[in-house]
Amino acid sequence: MRTVDEWKATLRAALKDALRTRNAPASSVLRETLAAIDNAEAPDISVAPASVGGGIAGSAGGLGSGEVARLLLSPEAVEALIQREIQERRDAVALYLQLGKTEEARALSAQVEVLLAF
């Protein structure tokens, strides 16, 4: 099983290739998937340091005191996140087909194929 860093490196390498070949559906879905992983690693606001009064409203006192460590995801969590991205797109494809929007459904189907390669 891949580590989280390996997942990110693989997705970034695929994004680089998609951008080089000007593959819009692939670059779009890879950017969105990397953003979803980054968002999942974002800590909850409740762990942020309390703000203090001063020159900048809402700032924390002291150099680096506003820093909060990112959450550590497991490889299984990243894989589940990618599976969720695939499922969301499959659901959207079905909805677009019901609405008769075949071009949009085709674009999302291409994105699903890109993610299924991983």
C-alpha atoms as a PDB file:
ATOM      1  CA  MET A   1       0.000   0.000   0.000  1.00  0.00           C
ATOM      2  CA  ARG A   2       1.220   3.507  -0.793  1.00  0.00           C
ATOM      3  CA  THR A   3       2.038   6.025   1.887  1.00  0.00           C
ATOM      4  CA  VAL A   4       0.376   9.431   1.900  1.00  0.00           C
ATOM      5  CA  ASP A   5       3.529  11.020   0.513  1.00  0.00           C
ATOM      6  CA  GLU A   6       3.633   8.435  -2.276  1.00  0.00           C
ATOM      7  CA  TRP A   7      -0.027   9.157  -3.107  1.00  0.00           C
ATOM      8  CA  LYS A   8       0.702  12.873  -3.324  1.00  0.00           C
ATOM      9  CA  ALA A   9       3.856  12.359  -5.374  1.00  0.00           C
ATOM     10  CA  THR A  10       2.027  10.052  -7.785  1.00  0.00           C
ATOM     11  CA  LEU A  11      -0.867  12.477  -8.185  1.00  0.00           C
ATOM     12  CA  ARG A  12       1.486  15.433  -8.657  1.00  0.00           C
ATOM     13  CA  ALA A  13       3.506  13.554 -11.292  1.00  0.00           C
ATOM     14  CA  ALA A  14       0.299  12.658 -13.115  1.00  0.00           C
ATOM     15  CA  LEU A  15      -0.817  16.298 -12.889  1.00  0.00           C
ATOM     16  CA  LYS A  16       2.480  17.414 -14.365  1.00  0.00           C
ATOM     17  CA  ASP A  17       2.024  14.996 -17.270  1.00  0.00           C
ATOM     18  CA  ALA A  18      -1.592  16.082 -17.776  1.00  0.00           C
ATOM     19  CA  LEU A  19      -0.560  19.727 -17.893  1.00  0.00           C
ATOM     20  CA  ARG A  20       2.258  18.951 -20.309  1.00  0.00           C
ATOM     21  CA  THR A  21      -0.107  17.112 -22.669  1.00  0.00           C
ATOM     22  CA  ARG A  22      -2.869  19.687 -22.161  1.00  0.00           C
ATOM     23  CA  ASN A  23      -5.314  17.050 -20.926  1.00  0.00           C
ATOM     24  CA  ALA A  24      -7.928  19.312 -19.339  1.00  0.00           C
ATOM     25  CA  PRO A  25     -10.139  16.631 -17.707  1.00  0.00           C
ATOM     26  CA  ALA A  26      -7.127  14.900 -16.161  1.00  0.00           C
ATOM     27  CA  SER A  27      -5.507  18.086 -14.889  1.00  0.00           C
ATOM     28  CA  SER A  28      -8.810  19.266 -13.442  1.00  0.00           C
ATOM     29  CA  VAL A  29      -9.574  16.082 -11.538  1.00  0.00           C
ATOM     30  CA  LEU A  30      -5.998  15.713 -10.298  1.00  0.00           C
ATOM     31  CA  ARG A  31      -5.968  19.280  -8.974  1.00  0.00           C
ATOM     32  CA  GLU A  32      -9.307  18.718  -7.259  1.00  0.00           C
ATOM     33  CA  THR A  33      -8.123  15.454  -5.710  1.00  0.00           C
ATOM     34  CA  LEU A  34      -4.897  16.994  -4.411  1.00  0.00           C
ATOM     35  CA  ALA A  35      -6.932  19.875  -2.973  1.00  0.00           C
ATOM     36  CA  ALA A  36      -9.285  17.409  -1.285  1.00  0.00           C
ATOM     37  CA  ILE A  37      -6.303  15.690   0.345  1.00  0.00           C
ATOM     38  CA  ASP A  38      -4.903  19.040   1.495  1.00  0.00           C
ATOM     39  CA  ASN A  39      -8.312  20.016   2.884  1.00  0.00           C
ATOM     40  CA  ALA A  40      -8.571  16.716   4.759  1.00  0.00           C
ATOM     41  CA  GLU A  41      -5.201  17.462   6.375  1.00  0.00           C
ATOM     42  CA  ALA A  42      -6.341  20.880   7.595  1.00  0.00           C
ATOM     43  CA  PRO A  43      -6.704  21.012  11.380  1.00  0.00           C
ATOM     44  CA  ASP A  44      -9.938  21.931  13.084  1.00  0.00           C
ATOM     45  CA  ILE A  45     -10.294  25.592  14.031  1.00  0.00           C
ATOM     46  CA  SER A  46     -10.733  24.579  17.673  1.00  0.00           C
ATOM     47  CA  VAL A  47      -7.012  23.794  17.973  1.00  0.00           C
ATOM     48  CA  ALA A  48      -5.961  27.253  16.772  1.00  0.00           C
ATOM     49  CA  PRO A  49      -4.278  29.494  19.348  1.00  0.00           C
ATOM     50  CA  ALA A  50      -6.368  32.193  20.952  1.00  0.00           C
ATOM     51  CA  SER A  51      -6.113  35.625  19.384  1.00  0.00           C
ATOM     52  CA  VAL A  52      -4.683  38.531  21.309  1.00  0.00           C
ATOM     53  CA  GLY A  53      -5.275  42.240  20.990  1.00  0.00           C
ATOM     54  CA  GLY A  54      -2.659  44.345  19.360  1.00  0.00           C
ATOM     55  CA  GLY A  55      -1.564  45.794  16.069  1.00  0.00           C
ATOM     56  CA  ILE A  56      -3.308  43.214  13.896  1.00  0.00           C
ATOM     57  CA  ALA A  57      -6.847  42.190  14.737  1.00  0.00           C
ATOM     58  CA  GLY A  58      -7.243  38.487  15.452  1.00  0.00           C
ATOM     59  CA  SER A  59      -3.521  37.787  15.532  1.00  0.00           C
ATOM     60  CA  ALA A  60      -1.741  35.442  17.906  1.00  0.00           C
ATOM     61  CA  GLY A  61       1.073  36.766  20.082  1.00  0.00           C
ATOM     62  CA  GLY A  62       4.667  35.837  19.321  1.00  0.00           C
ATOM     63  CA  LEU A  63       6.560  34.628  16.321  1.00  0.00           C
ATOM     64  CA  GLY A  64       5.177  31.313  15.079  1.00  0.00           C
ATOM     65  CA  SER A  65       2.531  31.135  17.778  1.00  0.00           C
ATOM     66  CA  GLY A  66      -0.219  31.019  15.165  1.00  0.00           C
ATOM     67  CA  GLU A  67       1.151  27.845  13.574  1.00  0.00           C
ATOM     68  CA  VAL A  68      -0.888  24.670  13.907  1.00  0.00           C
ATOM     69  CA  ALA A  69       0.337  21.269  12.775  1.00  0.00           C
ATOM     70  CA  ARG A  70      -1.550  19.643   9.906  1.00  0.00           C
ATOM     71  CA  LEU A  71      -3.443  16.426  10.514  1.00  0.00           C
ATOM     72  CA  LEU A  72      -1.734  13.193   9.553  1.00  0.00           C
ATOM     73  CA  LEU A  73      -3.827  11.061   7.224  1.00  0.00           C
ATOM     74  CA  SER A  74      -3.457   7.337   6.902  1.00  0.00           C
ATOM     75  CA  PRO A  75      -2.959   5.762   3.475  1.00  0.00           C
ATOM     76  CA  GLU A  76      -6.388   4.167   3.894  1.00  0.00           C
ATOM     77  CA  ALA A  77      -7.928   7.604   4.455  1.00  0.00           C
ATOM     78  CA  VAL A  78      -6.359   8.903   1.240  1.00  0.00           C
ATOM     79  CA  GLU A  79      -7.602   5.875  -0.679  1.00  0.00           C
ATOM     80  CA  ALA A  80     -11.091   6.359   0.778  1.00  0.00           C
ATOM     81  CA  LEU A  81     -10.960  10.024  -0.210  1.00  0.00           C
ATOM     82  CA  ILE A  82     -10.078   9.097  -3.804  1.00  0.00           C
ATOM     83  CA  GLN A  83     -12.905   6.545  -3.844  1.00  0.00           C
ATOM     84  CA  ARG A  84     -15.280   9.258  -2.603  1.00  0.00           C
ATOM     85  CA  GLU A  85     -14.127  11.568  -5.407  1.00  0.00           C
ATOM     86  CA  ILE A  86     -14.821   8.789  -7.917  1.00  0.00           C
ATOM     87  CA  GLN A  87     -18.274   8.124  -6.454  1.00  0.00           C
ATOM     88  CA  GLU A  88     -19.214  11.817  -6.461  1.00  0.00           C
ATOM     89  CA  ARG A  89     -18.352  12.030 -10.145  1.00  0.00           C
ATOM     90  CA  ARG A  90     -20.256   8.841 -10.971  1.00  0.00           C
ATOM     91  CA  ASP A  91     -23.313  10.247  -9.214  1.00  0.00           C
ATOM     92  CA  ALA A  92     -22.953  13.489 -11.163  1.00  0.00           C
ATOM     93  CA  VAL A  93     -22.617  11.563 -14.438  1.00  0.00           C
ATOM     94  CA  ALA A  94     -25.889   9.757 -13.720  1.00  0.00           C
ATOM     95  CA  LEU A  95     -27.602  13.036 -12.909  1.00  0.00           C
ATOM     96  CA  TYR A  96     -26.283  14.750 -16.039  1.00  0.00           C
ATOM     97  CA  LEU A  97     -27.466  11.848 -18.174  1.00  0.00           C
ATOM     98  CA  GLN A  98     -30.947  12.109 -16.625  1.00  0.00           C
ATOM     99  CA  LEU A  99     -30.959  15.800 -17.494  1.00  0.00           C
ATOM    100  CA  GLY A 100     -29.804  15.115 -21.043  1.00  0.00           C
ATOM    101  CA  LYS A 101     -26.466  16.878 -20.604  1.00  0.00           C
ATOM    102  CA  THR A 102     -24.315  14.320 -22.379  1.00  0.00           C
ATOM    103  CA  GLU A 103     -21.296  16.573 -22.920  1.00  0.00           C
ATOM    104  CA  GLU A 104     -20.964  17.304 -19.202  1.00  0.00           C
ATOM    105  CA  ALA A 105     -21.474  13.615 -18.414  1.00  0.00           C
ATOM    106  CA  ARG A 106     -18.755  12.683 -20.904  1.00  0.00           C
ATOM    107  CA  ALA A 107     -16.306  15.140 -19.289  1.00  0.00           C
ATOM    108  CA  LEU A 108     -16.960  13.731 -15.822  1.00  0.00           C
ATOM    109  CA  SER A 109     -16.671  10.173 -17.132  1.00  0.00           C
ATOM    110  CA  ALA A 110     -13.210  11.051 -18.432  1.00  0.00           C
ATOM    111  CA  GLN A 111     -12.306  12.319 -14.959  1.00  0.00           C
ATOM    112  CA  VAL A 112     -13.554   9.067 -13.410  1.00  0.00           C
ATOM    113  CA  GLU A 113     -11.322   7.102 -15.784  1.00  0.00           C
ATOM    114  CA  VAL A 114      -8.316   9.181 -14.718  1.00  0.00           C
ATOM    115  CA  LEU A 115      -8.945   8.459 -11.042  1.00  0.00           C
ATOM    116  CA  LEU A 116      -9.616   4.780 -11.643  1.00  0.00           C
ATOM    117  CA  ALA A 117      -6.071   4.476 -12.966  1.00  0.00           C
ATOM    118  CA  PHE A 118      -4.868   5.004  -9.401  1.00  0.00           C
END
